[in-house]
Amino acid sequence: MLDNAPCYVLKLQCPDRPGIVAGVASALTRGGGNILESAQFDDLKTGLFFMRVCFTAPEGVPLSSFEDLITPVANAFGMDWSLHDQAVKPRVLIMVSKFDHCLQNLAYRWHIGSLPADIVGIVSNHEEARSCASHYGLPFHYWPVTKENKAEREAQLIDLIDKENIDLVVLARYMQVLSNDVCGRYPGRIINIHHSFLPAFKGAAPYSRAHERGVKLIGATAHYVTCDLDEGPIIEQHAERVTHANSISEFVSIGRDIEARALSRAVISHCEHRVFINGIKTVVFS
């Protein structure tokens, strides 16, 4: 394989039936594609089949050539599918409030090239994240939110997402609830980090409530945002053991590290086209 060979990712889901893998492989072979990685899952409960294929193409062969080859196979099997050029990184907008640990983690990964995405801006309802944006040379949009101007701010957000061709919005501890209009407008394109295991300890001060209950595990959940608050399909969860000897402040410190790790892993999986929404849950190929 040549280092400069184009690398593409095919995602598909469809009702399961014999011949899907063979049909996909044959189409890619006809175009000179060389499969580097392939993963599939058959959901026996729903009868749906999920597949992700990463492959290289002969130098100079465009994405459109493989789209033409895959289309008849996709039509034959009733596939919901997409094809992605790995050289084209998703455009990401990060939203954050006062606590910027998740933002800092994502920005640093982007800075060193380990985040397969382009961060194109930061939106915040507080000033605290401005220094991070300045440090990394990222546009910063300071939009304070009140009950009176919430609709106006969301109109600004929608305009920014559409104007900048944003592929993914990341709520990196953005402590404002998005309206149903925004959530419904971008299905599967907004990821949130929830600072507890869902559905336990939803709402404010989850670490204090977990400490009061004497839990032995604390964790964080990264999920897609839907109109049902904190009930979107889960992408990633991380956890750490704690004991009776840990203070509330230690819970918070441990929790922030977990949040940053879980969110970055979810964003990476999404941007590498490894996540499929399967009803109220997800299929994530590692």
C-alpha atoms as a PDB file:
ATOM      1  CA  MET A   1       0.000   0.000   0.000  1.00  0.00           C
ATOM      2  CA  LEU A   2       1.326   3.422  -0.949  1.00  0.00           C
ATOM      3  CA  ASP A   3       1.495   6.041   1.788  1.00  0.00           C
ATOM      4  CA  ASN A   4      -0.284   8.549  -0.441  1.00  0.00           C
ATOM      5  CA  ALA A   5      -3.105   6.200  -1.441  1.00  0.00           C
ATOM      6  CA  PRO A   6      -6.554   7.673  -0.757  1.00  0.00           C
ATOM      7  CA  CYS A   7      -8.279   6.108   2.246  1.00  0.00           C
ATOM      8  CA  TYR A   8     -12.062   5.934   2.398  1.00  0.00           C
ATOM      9  CA  VAL A   9     -14.601   4.724   4.978  1.00  0.00           C
ATOM     10  CA  LEU A  10     -17.903   3.110   4.056  1.00  0.00           C
ATOM     11  CA  LYS A  11     -20.708   3.028   6.647  1.00  0.00           C
ATOM     12  CA  LEU A  12     -23.912   1.119   6.035  1.00  0.00           C
ATOM     13  CA  GLN A  13     -26.924  -0.327   7.771  1.00  0.00           C
ATOM     14  CA  CYS A  14     -29.814  -2.293   6.332  1.00  0.00           C
ATOM     15  CA  PRO A  15     -32.111  -5.247   7.003  1.00  0.00           C
ATOM     16  CA  ASP A  16     -29.961  -8.342   7.391  1.00  0.00           C
ATOM     17  CA  ARG A  17     -29.934 -10.907   4.596  1.00  0.00           C
ATOM     18  CA  PRO A  18     -27.348 -13.129   2.908  1.00  0.00           C
ATOM     19  CA  GLY A  19     -24.924 -11.576   0.442  1.00  0.00           C
ATOM     20  CA  ILE A  20     -24.356  -8.119   1.940  1.00  0.00           C
ATOM     21  CA  VAL A  21     -20.672  -8.570   2.760  1.00  0.00           C
ATOM     22  CA  ALA A  22     -19.987 -10.285  -0.544  1.00  0.00           C
ATOM     23  CA  GLY A  23     -21.772  -7.541  -2.479  1.00  0.00           C
ATOM     24  CA  VAL A  24     -19.814  -4.786  -0.749  1.00  0.00           C
ATOM     25  CA  ALA A  25     -16.488  -6.579  -1.145  1.00  0.00           C
ATOM     26  CA  SER A  26     -17.124  -7.216  -4.836  1.00  0.00           C
ATOM     27  CA  ALA A  27     -18.000  -3.564  -5.473  1.00  0.00           C
ATOM     28  CA  LEU A  28     -14.850  -2.337  -3.746  1.00  0.00           C
ATOM     29  CA  THR A  29     -12.701  -4.898  -5.573  1.00  0.00           C
ATOM     30  CA  ARG A  30     -14.042  -3.771  -8.949  1.00  0.00           C
ATOM     31  CA  GLY A  31     -12.788  -0.278  -8.153  1.00  0.00           C
ATOM     32  CA  GLY A  32      -9.359  -1.525  -7.088  1.00  0.00           C
ATOM     33  CA  GLY A  33     -10.097  -0.946  -3.408  1.00  0.00           C
ATOM     34  CA  ASN A  34      -7.967  -2.702  -0.796  1.00  0.00           C
ATOM     35  CA  ILE A  35      -9.800  -3.376   2.487  1.00  0.00           C
ATOM     36  CA  LEU A  36      -7.732  -2.431   5.546  1.00  0.00           C
ATOM     37  CA  GLU A  37     -10.357  -2.842   8.242  1.00  0.00           C
ATOM     38  CA  SER A  38     -13.844  -4.307   8.329  1.00  0.00           C
ATOM     39  CA  ALA A  39     -16.336  -4.672  11.164  1.00  0.00           C
ATOM     40  CA  GLN A  40     -19.927  -5.805  11.151  1.00  0.00           C
ATOM     41  CA  PHE A  41     -22.740  -6.490  13.591  1.00  0.00           C
ATOM     42  CA  ASP A  42     -26.056  -8.258  13.170  1.00  0.00           C
ATOM     43  CA  ASP A  43     -28.672  -7.052  15.664  1.00  0.00           C
ATOM     44  CA  LEU A  44     -30.785 -10.172  16.109  1.00  0.00           C
ATOM     45  CA  LYS A  45     -33.507  -8.248  17.958  1.00  0.00           C
ATOM     46  CA  THR A  46     -34.158  -5.681  15.228  1.00  0.00           C
ATOM     47  CA  GLY A  47     -32.916  -7.659  12.242  1.00  0.00           C
ATOM     48  CA  LEU A  48     -30.604  -4.820  11.237  1.00  0.00           C
ATOM     49  CA  PHE A  49     -27.090  -5.294   9.895  1.00  0.00           C
ATOM     50  CA  PHE A  50     -24.337  -2.710  10.495  1.00  0.00           C
ATOM     51  CA  MET A  51     -20.995  -2.530   8.691  1.00  0.00           C
ATOM     52  CA  ARG A  52     -17.975  -0.230   8.584  1.00  0.00           C
ATOM     53  CA  VAL A  53     -15.242  -0.755   5.992  1.00  0.00           C
ATOM     54  CA  CYS A  54     -12.002   1.216   5.746  1.00  0.00           C
ATOM     55  CA  PHE A  55     -10.205   0.782   2.426  1.00  0.00           C
ATOM     56  CA  THR A  56      -7.582   2.352   0.222  1.00  0.00           C
ATOM     57  CA  ALA A  57      -8.112   3.252  -3.403  1.00  0.00           C
ATOM     58  CA  PRO A  58      -5.675   3.383  -6.329  1.00  0.00           C
ATOM     59  CA  GLU A  59      -3.999   6.765  -6.520  1.00  0.00           C
ATOM     60  CA  GLY A  60      -6.116   9.218  -8.470  1.00  0.00           C
ATOM     61  CA  VAL A  61      -9.377   7.274  -8.091  1.00  0.00           C
ATOM     62  CA  PRO A  62     -11.930   9.700  -6.587  1.00  0.00           C
ATOM     63  CA  LEU A  63     -14.576   8.999  -3.973  1.00  0.00           C
ATOM     64  CA  SER A  64     -17.273   9.403  -6.615  1.00  0.00           C
ATOM     65  CA  SER A  65     -16.027   6.326  -8.491  1.00  0.00           C
ATOM     66  CA  PHE A  66     -16.730   4.139  -5.472  1.00  0.00           C
ATOM     67  CA  GLU A  67     -20.066   5.856  -4.893  1.00  0.00           C
ATOM     68  CA  ASP A  68     -21.050   4.761  -8.397  1.00  0.00           C
ATOM     69  CA  LEU A  69     -19.930   1.191  -7.686  1.00  0.00           C
ATOM     70  CA  ILE A  70     -21.649   0.942  -4.304  1.00  0.00           C
ATOM     71  CA  THR A  71     -24.963   2.553  -5.311  1.00  0.00           C
ATOM     72  CA  PRO A  72     -26.456  -0.494  -7.117  1.00  0.00           C
ATOM     73  CA  VAL A  73     -25.450  -2.776  -4.215  1.00  0.00           C
ATOM     74  CA  ALA A  74     -26.937  -0.331  -1.722  1.00  0.00           C
ATOM     75  CA  ASN A  75     -30.177  -0.136  -3.707  1.00  0.00           C
ATOM     76  CA  ALA A  76     -30.426  -3.926  -3.929  1.00  0.00           C
ATOM     77  CA  PHE A  77     -30.150  -4.358  -0.161  1.00  0.00           C
ATOM     78  CA  GLY A  78     -32.021  -1.212   0.919  1.00  0.00           C
ATOM     79  CA  MET A  79     -28.990   0.293   2.607  1.00  0.00           C
ATOM     80  CA  ASP A  80     -28.714   3.537   4.516  1.00  0.00           C
ATOM     81  CA  TRP A  81     -25.101   4.306   3.683  1.00  0.00           C
ATOM     82  CA  SER A  82     -22.418   6.960   3.455  1.00  0.00           C
ATOM     83  CA  LEU A  83     -18.887   7.147   2.098  1.00  0.00           C
ATOM     84  CA  HIS A  84     -16.192   9.336   3.646  1.00  0.00           C
ATOM     85  CA  ASP A  85     -12.726  10.478   2.661  1.00  0.00           C
ATOM     86  CA  GLN A  86     -10.488  10.188   5.726  1.00  0.00           C
ATOM     87  CA  ALA A  87      -8.436  13.128   4.487  1.00  0.00           C
ATOM     88  CA  VAL A  88     -11.495  15.368   4.951  1.00  0.00           C
ATOM     89  CA  LYS A  89     -11.837  16.051   8.668  1.00  0.00           C
ATOM     90  CA  PRO A  90     -15.244  16.824  10.189  1.00  0.00           C
ATOM     91  CA  ARG A  91     -15.736  20.449  11.195  1.00  0.00           C
ATOM     92  CA  VAL A  92     -16.428  20.711  14.928  1.00  0.00           C
ATOM     93  CA  LEU A  93     -17.913  23.492  17.050  1.00  0.00           C
ATOM     94  CA  ILE A  94     -17.370  23.258  20.816  1.00  0.00           C
ATOM     95  CA  MET A  95     -19.773  24.777  23.331  1.00  0.00           C
ATOM     96  CA  VAL A  96     -18.727  25.251  26.952  1.00  0.00           C
ATOM     97  CA  SER A  97     -19.710  27.137  30.110  1.00  0.00           C
ATOM     98  CA  LYS A  98     -17.443  27.795  33.115  1.00  0.00           C
ATOM     99  CA  PHE A  99     -15.667  24.453  33.507  1.00  0.00           C
ATOM    100  CA  ASP A 100     -13.240  24.031  30.606  1.00  0.00           C
ATOM    101  CA  HIS A 101     -11.487  20.721  31.373  1.00  0.00           C
ATOM    102  CA  CYS A 102     -13.227  18.897  28.511  1.00  0.00           C
ATOM    103  CA  LEU A 103     -12.543  21.805  26.159  1.00  0.00           C
ATOM    104  CA  GLN A 104      -8.868  21.877  27.150  1.00  0.00           C
ATOM    105  CA  ASN A 105      -8.549  18.154  26.481  1.00  0.00           C
ATOM    106  CA  LEU A 106     -10.141  18.385  23.036  1.00  0.00           C
ATOM    107  CA  ALA A 107      -8.197  21.516  22.073  1.00  0.00           C
ATOM    108  CA  TYR A 108      -4.887  19.952  23.075  1.00  0.00           C
ATOM    109  CA  ARG A 109      -5.644  16.764  21.138  1.00  0.00           C
ATOM    110  CA  TRP A 110      -6.533  18.906  18.131  1.00  0.00           C
ATOM    111  CA  HIS A 111      -3.322  20.929  18.562  1.00  0.00           C
ATOM    112  CA  ILE A 112      -1.073  17.838  18.534  1.00  0.00           C
ATOM    113  CA  GLY A 113      -2.971  16.181  15.695  1.00  0.00           C
ATOM    114  CA  SER A 114      -4.572  13.314  17.623  1.00  0.00           C
ATOM    115  CA  LEU A 115      -8.137  14.532  17.122  1.00  0.00           C
ATOM    116  CA  PRO A 116      -9.401  13.547  13.653  1.00  0.00           C
ATOM    117  CA  ALA A 117     -11.368  16.773  13.304  1.00  0.00           C
ATOM    118  CA  ASP A 118     -11.011  20.492  12.680  1.00  0.00           C
ATOM    119  CA  ILE A 119     -12.173  22.645  15.578  1.00  0.00           C
ATOM    120  CA  VAL A 120     -13.523  25.769  13.916  1.00  0.00           C
ATOM    121  CA  GLY A 121     -14.741  27.701  16.931  1.00  0.00           C
ATOM    122  CA  ILE A 122     -15.801  27.858  20.569  1.00  0.00           C
ATOM    123  CA  VAL A 123     -19.143  29.158  21.828  1.00  0.00           C
ATOM    124  CA  SER A 124     -19.581  30.022  25.491  1.00  0.00           C
ATOM    125  CA  ASN A 125     -22.048  31.768  27.747  1.00  0.00           C
ATOM    126  CA  HIS A 126     -19.148  32.696  30.075  1.00  0.00           C
ATOM    127  CA  GLU A 127     -15.778  34.414  29.594  1.00  0.00           C
ATOM    128  CA  GLU A 128     -13.682  31.696  31.260  1.00  0.00           C
ATOM    129  CA  ALA A 129     -12.966  29.790  28.022  1.00  0.00           C
ATOM    130  CA  ARG A 130     -11.680  32.833  26.156  1.00  0.00           C
ATOM    131  CA  SER A 131      -8.081  32.226  27.288  1.00  0.00           C
ATOM    132  CA  CYS A 132      -8.166  28.659  25.940  1.00  0.00           C
ATOM    133  CA  ALA A 133      -9.501  29.884  22.596  1.00  0.00           C
ATOM    134  CA  SER A 134      -6.814  32.563  22.449  1.00  0.00           C
ATOM    135  CA  HIS A 135      -4.051  30.096  23.342  1.00  0.00           C
ATOM    136  CA  TYR A 136      -4.983  27.776  20.481  1.00  0.00           C
ATOM    137  CA  GLY A 137      -5.912  30.530  18.032  1.00  0.00           C
ATOM    138  CA  LEU A 138      -9.560  29.519  17.825  1.00  0.00           C
ATOM    139  CA  PRO A 139     -12.478  31.900  17.179  1.00  0.00           C
ATOM    140  CA  PHE A 140     -14.372  32.599  20.409  1.00  0.00           C
ATOM    141  CA  HIS A 141     -18.049  33.527  20.490  1.00  0.00           C
ATOM    142  CA  TYR A 142     -19.124  34.946  23.830  1.00  0.00           C
ATOM    143  CA  TRP A 143     -22.898  34.683  23.973  1.00  0.00           C
ATOM    144  CA  PRO A 144     -24.357  35.172  27.464  1.00  0.00           C
ATOM    145  CA  VAL A 145     -27.715  33.424  27.766  1.00  0.00           C
ATOM    146  CA  THR A 146     -30.699  34.702  29.717  1.00  0.00           C
ATOM    147  CA  LYS A 147     -34.317  33.649  29.762  1.00  0.00           C
ATOM    148  CA  GLU A 148     -35.130  36.709  27.677  1.00  0.00           C
ATOM    149  CA  ASN A 149     -32.505  36.206  24.939  1.00  0.00           C
ATOM    150  CA  LYS A 150     -32.345  32.393  24.748  1.00  0.00           C
ATOM    151  CA  ALA A 151     -34.285  32.224  21.476  1.00  0.00           C
ATOM    152  CA  GLU A 152     -32.056  34.902  19.943  1.00  0.00           C
ATOM    153  CA  ARG A 153     -28.904  33.057  21.009  1.00  0.00           C
ATOM    154  CA  GLU A 154     -30.153  29.812  19.526  1.00  0.00           C
ATOM    155  CA  ALA A 155     -30.904  31.598  16.253  1.00  0.00           C
ATOM    156  CA  GLN A 156     -27.293  32.811  16.286  1.00  0.00           C
ATOM    157  CA  LEU A 157     -26.129  29.249  16.958  1.00  0.00           C
ATOM    158  CA  ILE A 158     -28.130  27.822  14.072  1.00  0.00           C
ATOM    159  CA  ASP A 159     -26.800  30.543  11.773  1.00  0.00           C
ATOM    160  CA  LEU A 160     -23.200  29.789  12.843  1.00  0.00           C
ATOM    161  CA  ILE A 161     -23.602  26.029  12.394  1.00  0.00           C
ATOM    162  CA  ASP A 162     -25.033  26.445   8.915  1.00  0.00           C
ATOM    163  CA  LYS A 163     -22.687  29.250   7.849  1.00  0.00           C
ATOM    164  CA  GLU A 164     -19.553  27.386   8.949  1.00  0.00           C
ATOM    165  CA  ASN A 165     -20.751  24.007   7.620  1.00  0.00           C
ATOM    166  CA  ILE A 166     -20.385  22.448  11.057  1.00  0.00           C
ATOM    167  CA  ASP A 167     -20.526  18.652  11.020  1.00  0.00           C
ATOM    168  CA  LEU A 168     -20.542  18.112  14.781  1.00  0.00           C
ATOM    169  CA  VAL A 169     -21.428  20.228  17.822  1.00  0.00           C
ATOM    170  CA  VAL A 170     -19.753  19.151  21.071  1.00  0.00           C
ATOM    171  CA  LEU A 171     -21.286  20.225  24.376  1.00  0.00           C
ATOM    172  CA  ALA A 172     -18.140  20.168  26.516  1.00  0.00           C
ATOM    173  CA  ARG A 173     -19.896  20.910  29.811  1.00  0.00           C
ATOM    174  CA  TYR A 174     -22.202  23.505  28.264  1.00  0.00           C
ATOM    175  CA  MET A 175     -24.691  24.016  31.057  1.00  0.00           C
ATOM    176  CA  GLN A 176     -27.616  25.280  28.988  1.00  0.00           C
ATOM    177  CA  VAL A 177     -30.412  23.046  27.747  1.00  0.00           C
ATOM    178  CA  LEU A 178     -30.831  23.269  23.985  1.00  0.00           C
ATOM    179  CA  SER A 179     -34.370  23.678  22.677  1.00  0.00           C
ATOM    180  CA  ASN A 180     -36.226  20.949  20.824  1.00  0.00           C
ATOM    181  CA  ASP A 181     -35.852  23.032  17.675  1.00  0.00           C
ATOM    182  CA  VAL A 182     -32.043  22.863  17.814  1.00  0.00           C
ATOM    183  CA  CYS A 183     -31.936  19.218  18.929  1.00  0.00           C
ATOM    184  CA  GLY A 184     -34.347  18.132  16.210  1.00  0.00           C
ATOM    185  CA  ARG A 185     -32.571  20.123  13.520  1.00  0.00           C
ATOM    186  CA  TYR A 186     -29.254  18.264  13.921  1.00  0.00           C
ATOM    187  CA  PRO A 187     -29.971  14.607  14.773  1.00  0.00           C
ATOM    188  CA  GLY A 188     -26.823  12.589  15.392  1.00  0.00           C
ATOM    189  CA  ARG A 189     -24.711  15.744  15.137  1.00  0.00           C
ATOM    190  CA  ILE A 190     -24.626  16.971  18.746  1.00  0.00           C
ATOM    191  CA  ILE A 191     -22.674  15.143  21.472  1.00  0.00           C
ATOM    192  CA  ASN A 192     -22.992  15.925  25.173  1.00  0.00           C
ATOM    193  CA  ILE A 193     -20.977  14.802  28.196  1.00  0.00           C
ATOM    194  CA  HIS A 194     -23.069  13.999  31.236  1.00  0.00           C
ATOM    195  CA  HIS A 195     -21.194  14.027  34.519  1.00  0.00           C
ATOM    196  CA  SER A 196     -22.597  10.765  35.867  1.00  0.00           C
ATOM    197  CA  PHE A 197     -23.714   7.370  34.664  1.00  0.00           C
ATOM    198  CA  LEU A 198     -27.058   7.815  32.973  1.00  0.00           C
ATOM    199  CA  PRO A 199     -29.748   7.640  34.152  1.00  0.00           C
ATOM    200  CA  ALA A 200     -28.363   7.866  37.717  1.00  0.00           C
ATOM    201  CA  PHE A 201     -27.851  11.270  39.350  1.00  0.00           C
ATOM    202  CA  LYS A 202     -29.247  13.404  36.566  1.00  0.00           C
ATOM    203  CA  GLY A 203     -29.373  17.150  37.071  1.00  0.00           C
ATOM    204  CA  ALA A 204     -27.333  19.398  39.331  1.00  0.00           C
ATOM    205  CA  ALA A 205     -24.532  18.423  41.741  1.00  0.00           C
ATOM    206  CA  PRO A 206     -24.327  14.729  40.800  1.00  0.00           C
ATOM    207  CA  TYR A 207     -21.018  14.178  42.601  1.00  0.00           C
ATOM    208  CA  SER A 208     -22.408  15.510  45.875  1.00  0.00           C
ATOM    209  CA  ARG A 209     -25.429  13.242  45.532  1.00  0.00           C
ATOM    210  CA  ALA A 210     -23.194  10.286  44.635  1.00  0.00           C
ATOM    211  CA  HIS A 211     -21.034  10.999  47.675  1.00  0.00           C
ATOM    212  CA  GLU A 212     -24.111  11.098  49.902  1.00  0.00           C
ATOM    213  CA  ARG A 213     -25.183   7.708  48.579  1.00  0.00           C
ATOM    214  CA  GLY A 214     -21.754   6.205  49.210  1.00  0.00           C
ATOM    215  CA  VAL A 215     -21.269   4.971  45.664  1.00  0.00           C
ATOM    216  CA  LYS A 216     -18.244   2.839  44.822  1.00  0.00           C
ATOM    217  CA  LEU A 217     -18.027   3.819  41.167  1.00  0.00           C
ATOM    218  CA  ILE A 218     -18.317   7.238  39.580  1.00  0.00           C
ATOM    219  CA  GLY A 219     -18.428   7.790  35.884  1.00  0.00           C
ATOM    220  CA  ALA A 220     -19.336   9.928  32.913  1.00  0.00           C
ATOM    221  CA  THR A 221     -21.502   9.325  29.870  1.00  0.00           C
ATOM    222  CA  ALA A 222     -21.070  10.800  26.391  1.00  0.00           C
ATOM    223  CA  HIS A 223     -24.242  10.612  24.323  1.00  0.00           C
ATOM    224  CA  TYR A 224     -26.021  12.112  21.353  1.00  0.00           C
ATOM    225  CA  VAL A 225     -28.400  14.939  22.170  1.00  0.00           C
ATOM    226  CA  THR A 226     -32.094  14.398  21.497  1.00  0.00           C
ATOM    227  CA  CYS A 227     -35.261  16.206  22.488  1.00  0.00           C
ATOM    228  CA  ASP A 228     -35.421  13.929  25.555  1.00  0.00           C
ATOM    229  CA  LEU A 229     -33.039  15.535  28.052  1.00  0.00           C
ATOM    230  CA  ASP A 230     -30.036  13.304  28.835  1.00  0.00           C
ATOM    231  CA  GLU A 231     -31.746  10.291  27.232  1.00  0.00           C
ATOM    232  CA  GLY A 232     -29.949  10.263  23.864  1.00  0.00           C
ATOM    233  CA  PRO A 233     -28.118   7.201  22.492  1.00  0.00           C
ATOM    234  CA  ILE A 234     -24.993   6.500  24.564  1.00  0.00           C
ATOM    235  CA  ILE A 235     -21.649   6.505  22.727  1.00  0.00           C
ATOM    236  CA  GLU A 236     -19.072   6.126  25.504  1.00  0.00           C
ATOM    237  CA  GLN A 237     -18.925   5.607  29.274  1.00  0.00           C
ATOM    238  CA  HIS A 238     -15.912   5.674  31.592  1.00  0.00           C
ATOM    239  CA  ALA A 239     -15.703   4.961  35.326  1.00  0.00           C
ATOM    240  CA  GLU A 240     -13.312   4.936  38.283  1.00  0.00           C
ATOM    241  CA  ARG A 241     -13.543   3.237  41.671  1.00  0.00           C
ATOM    242  CA  VAL A 242     -13.920   5.445  44.741  1.00  0.00           C
ATOM    243  CA  THR A 243     -14.194   4.687  48.439  1.00  0.00           C
ATOM    244  CA  HIS A 244     -15.677   6.083  51.618  1.00  0.00           C
ATOM    245  CA  ALA A 245     -12.356   7.855  52.208  1.00  0.00           C
ATOM    246  CA  ASN A 246     -12.708  10.113  49.158  1.00  0.00           C
ATOM    247  CA  SER A 247     -14.032  13.615  49.780  1.00  0.00           C
ATOM    248  CA  ILE A 248     -16.550  15.408  47.575  1.00  0.00           C
ATOM    249  CA  SER A 249     -13.723  17.503  46.099  1.00  0.00           C
ATOM    250  CA  GLU A 250     -11.834  14.316  45.216  1.00  0.00           C
ATOM    251  CA  PHE A 251     -14.989  12.961  43.589  1.00  0.00           C
ATOM    252  CA  VAL A 252     -15.163  16.129  41.484  1.00  0.00           C
ATOM    253  CA  SER A 253     -11.470  15.953  40.528  1.00  0.00           C
ATOM    254  CA  ILE A 254     -11.670  12.302  39.548  1.00  0.00           C
ATOM    255  CA  GLY A 255     -14.915  12.983  37.726  1.00  0.00           C
ATOM    256  CA  ARG A 256     -13.475  15.779  35.615  1.00  0.00           C
ATOM    257  CA  ASP A 257     -10.731  13.495  34.360  1.00  0.00           C
ATOM    258  CA  ILE A 258     -13.311  10.827  33.491  1.00  0.00           C
ATOM    259  CA  GLU A 259     -15.504  13.356  31.694  1.00  0.00           C
ATOM    260  CA  ALA A 260     -12.632  14.583  29.539  1.00  0.00           C
ATOM    261  CA  ARG A 261     -11.626  11.042  28.576  1.00  0.00           C
ATOM    262  CA  ALA A 262     -15.140   9.845  27.824  1.00  0.00           C
ATOM    263  CA  LEU A 263     -16.004  12.884  25.724  1.00  0.00           C
ATOM    264  CA  SER A 264     -12.796  12.825  23.688  1.00  0.00           C
ATOM    265  CA  ARG A 265     -13.241   9.105  23.002  1.00  0.00           C
ATOM    266  CA  ALA A 266     -16.818   9.684  21.847  1.00  0.00           C
ATOM    267  CA  VAL A 267     -15.799  12.562  19.577  1.00  0.00           C
ATOM    268  CA  ILE A 268     -12.973  10.520  18.065  1.00  0.00           C
ATOM    269  CA  SER A 269     -15.287   7.549  17.438  1.00  0.00           C
ATOM    270  CA  HIS A 270     -17.837   9.816  15.763  1.00  0.00           C
ATOM    271  CA  CYS A 271     -15.257  11.596  13.614  1.00  0.00           C
ATOM    272  CA  GLU A 272     -13.755   8.273  12.538  1.00  0.00           C
ATOM    273  CA  HIS A 273     -17.255   7.211  11.433  1.00  0.00           C
ATOM    274  CA  ARG A 274     -17.397   4.343  13.921  1.00  0.00           C
ATOM    275  CA  VAL A 275     -20.782   5.136  15.480  1.00  0.00           C
ATOM    276  CA  PHE A 276     -24.197   4.014  14.233  1.00  0.00           C
ATOM    277  CA  ILE A 277     -27.438   5.108  15.856  1.00  0.00           C
ATOM    278  CA  ASN A 278     -29.566   2.020  16.429  1.00  0.00           C
ATOM    279  CA  GLY A 279     -32.873   3.259  17.791  1.00  0.00           C
ATOM    280  CA  ILE A 280     -32.330   4.464  21.369  1.00  0.00           C
ATOM    281  CA  LYS A 281     -28.801   3.037  21.511  1.00  0.00           C
ATOM    282  CA  THR A 282     -25.671   2.903  19.367  1.00  0.00           C
ATOM    283  CA  VAL A 283     -23.391   0.437  17.664  1.00  0.00           C
ATOM    284  CA  VAL A 284     -19.774   1.555  18.079  1.00  0.00           C
ATOM    285  CA  PHE A 285     -17.009  -0.293  16.246  1.00  0.00           C
ATOM    286  CA  SER A 286     -13.687   0.039  18.088  1.00  0.00           C
END
